[in-house]
């Protein structure tokens, strides 16, 4: 893997709207991003993922999701996707199931 370095002004800073939905069967987060530019392999940190999602099936339209859990059991993640001038990235955990798939 090659390492790319960017100056602070080179990285897009999109406006992000977040919506969530959940019930006893699923937890879903949708990020609507408006940046005005495209950027390949953009990374977005996801905080405060419910612990119940730890072993659930994840569906996403992102290229990649990296699960992060600290020693206190707090769950977070990193999404990797191609940022478009306007785009939407979705995460949906099916609670009680144990696999990963792309939307």
Protein backbone atom coordinates (compact mmCIF):
# COMPACT_ATOMS: atom_id res chain seq x y z
CA UNK A 1 0.00 0.00 0.00
CA UNK A 2 1.33 3.43 -0.89
CA UNK A 3 1.09 6.35 1.50
CA UNK A 4 -0.35 9.59 0.21
CA UNK A 5 0.27 12.89 1.99
CA UNK A 6 -2.04 15.85 1.60
CA UNK A 7 -1.89 19.42 2.75
CA UNK A 8 -4.84 20.41 4.93
CA UNK A 9 -6.34 22.51 2.13
CA UNK A 10 -6.28 19.55 -0.28
CA UNK A 11 -8.80 17.46 1.67
CA UNK A 12 -12.52 18.01 1.08
CA UNK A 13 -14.52 19.11 4.12
CA UNK A 14 -18.06 18.05 3.17
CA UNK A 15 -21.28 19.09 4.84
CA UNK A 16 -22.64 15.92 6.45
CA UNK A 17 -26.20 15.16 7.47
CA UNK A 18 -26.71 12.04 9.60
CA UNK A 19 -29.91 10.08 10.02
CA UNK A 20 -30.44 6.95 12.09
CA UNK A 21 -33.17 4.37 12.39
CA UNK A 22 -33.40 1.29 14.58
CA UNK A 23 -35.71 -1.17 16.22
CA UNK A 24 -35.05 -4.53 17.84
CA UNK A 25 -34.06 -6.08 14.50
CA UNK A 26 -31.68 -3.53 12.93
CA UNK A 27 -29.66 -0.35 13.40
CA UNK A 28 -29.10 1.90 10.38
CA UNK A 29 -27.04 5.06 9.86
CA UNK A 30 -27.15 7.14 6.66
CA UNK A 31 -24.62 9.86 5.91
CA UNK A 32 -25.59 12.39 3.22
CA UNK A 33 -22.48 14.29 2.09
CA UNK A 34 -22.21 17.43 -0.01
CA UNK A 35 -18.68 18.47 -0.92
CA UNK A 36 -18.81 19.95 -4.41
CA UNK A 37 -15.80 17.77 -5.36
CA UNK A 38 -14.88 14.14 -5.90
CA UNK A 39 -12.21 12.39 -3.82
CA UNK A 40 -11.14 8.74 -4.19
CA UNK A 41 -10.84 6.60 -1.04
CA UNK A 42 -12.26 9.19 1.34
CA UNK A 43 -12.26 8.12 5.01
CA UNK A 44 -15.01 8.92 7.49
CA UNK A 45 -14.93 8.08 11.20
CA UNK A 46 -18.08 6.58 12.72
CA UNK A 47 -18.57 7.04 16.48
CA UNK A 48 -20.98 5.62 19.06
CA UNK A 49 -21.94 2.41 17.29
CA UNK A 50 -24.24 0.43 19.62
CA UNK A 51 -22.47 -2.52 21.23
CA UNK A 52 -25.29 -4.78 20.00
CA UNK A 53 -23.90 -4.29 16.47
CA UNK A 54 -20.59 -5.97 17.39
CA UNK A 55 -21.59 -9.42 16.06
CA UNK A 56 -24.37 -8.37 13.69
CA UNK A 57 -24.49 -8.65 9.91
CA UNK A 58 -23.35 -5.38 8.31
CA UNK A 59 -24.59 -4.16 4.95
CA UNK A 60 -22.97 -1.08 3.43
CA UNK A 61 -22.52 0.64 0.10
CA UNK A 62 -19.02 1.80 1.15
CA UNK A 63 -15.92 0.14 -0.31
CA UNK A 64 -14.76 -0.90 3.15
CA UNK A 65 -15.71 -0.68 6.81
CA UNK A 66 -13.06 -1.11 9.49
CA UNK A 67 -14.39 -2.04 12.94
CA UNK A 68 -12.68 -0.43 15.94
CA UNK A 69 -13.35 -1.33 19.55
CA UNK A 70 -11.37 -0.03 22.50
CA UNK A 71 -10.65 -1.88 25.75
CA UNK A 72 -13.72 -0.29 27.36
CA UNK A 73 -15.92 -1.89 24.69
CA UNK A 74 -16.76 1.39 22.91
CA UNK A 75 -17.49 0.68 19.24
CA UNK A 76 -16.39 2.86 16.34
CA UNK A 77 -15.42 2.41 12.73
CA UNK A 78 -13.84 3.90 9.62
CA UNK A 79 -15.68 4.00 6.30
CA UNK A 80 -13.72 4.08 3.04
CA UNK A 81 -15.63 5.23 -0.05
CA UNK A 82 -15.31 7.41 -3.12
CA UNK A 83 -16.63 10.85 -2.18
CA UNK A 84 -18.73 12.43 -4.92
CA UNK A 85 -19.91 16.06 -5.04
CA UNK A 86 -23.17 14.73 -3.54
CA UNK A 87 -23.38 11.20 -2.18
CA UNK A 88 -24.94 8.97 0.43
CA UNK A 89 -23.21 6.25 2.47
CA UNK A 90 -25.26 3.70 4.40
CA UNK A 91 -24.52 1.28 7.22
CA UNK A 92 -27.15 -1.23 8.31
CA UNK A 93 -26.64 -3.87 10.97
CA UNK A 94 -29.08 -6.77 11.09
CA UNK A 95 -29.08 -7.57 14.80
CA UNK A 96 -28.81 -11.22 15.78
CA UNK A 97 -26.98 -12.23 12.57
CA UNK A 98 -23.23 -12.68 12.12
CA UNK A 99 -21.84 -11.85 8.66
CA UNK A 100 -20.84 -8.92 6.42
CA UNK A 101 -22.10 -8.02 2.96
CA UNK A 102 -22.15 -5.15 0.45
CA UNK A 103 -25.44 -3.35 -0.33
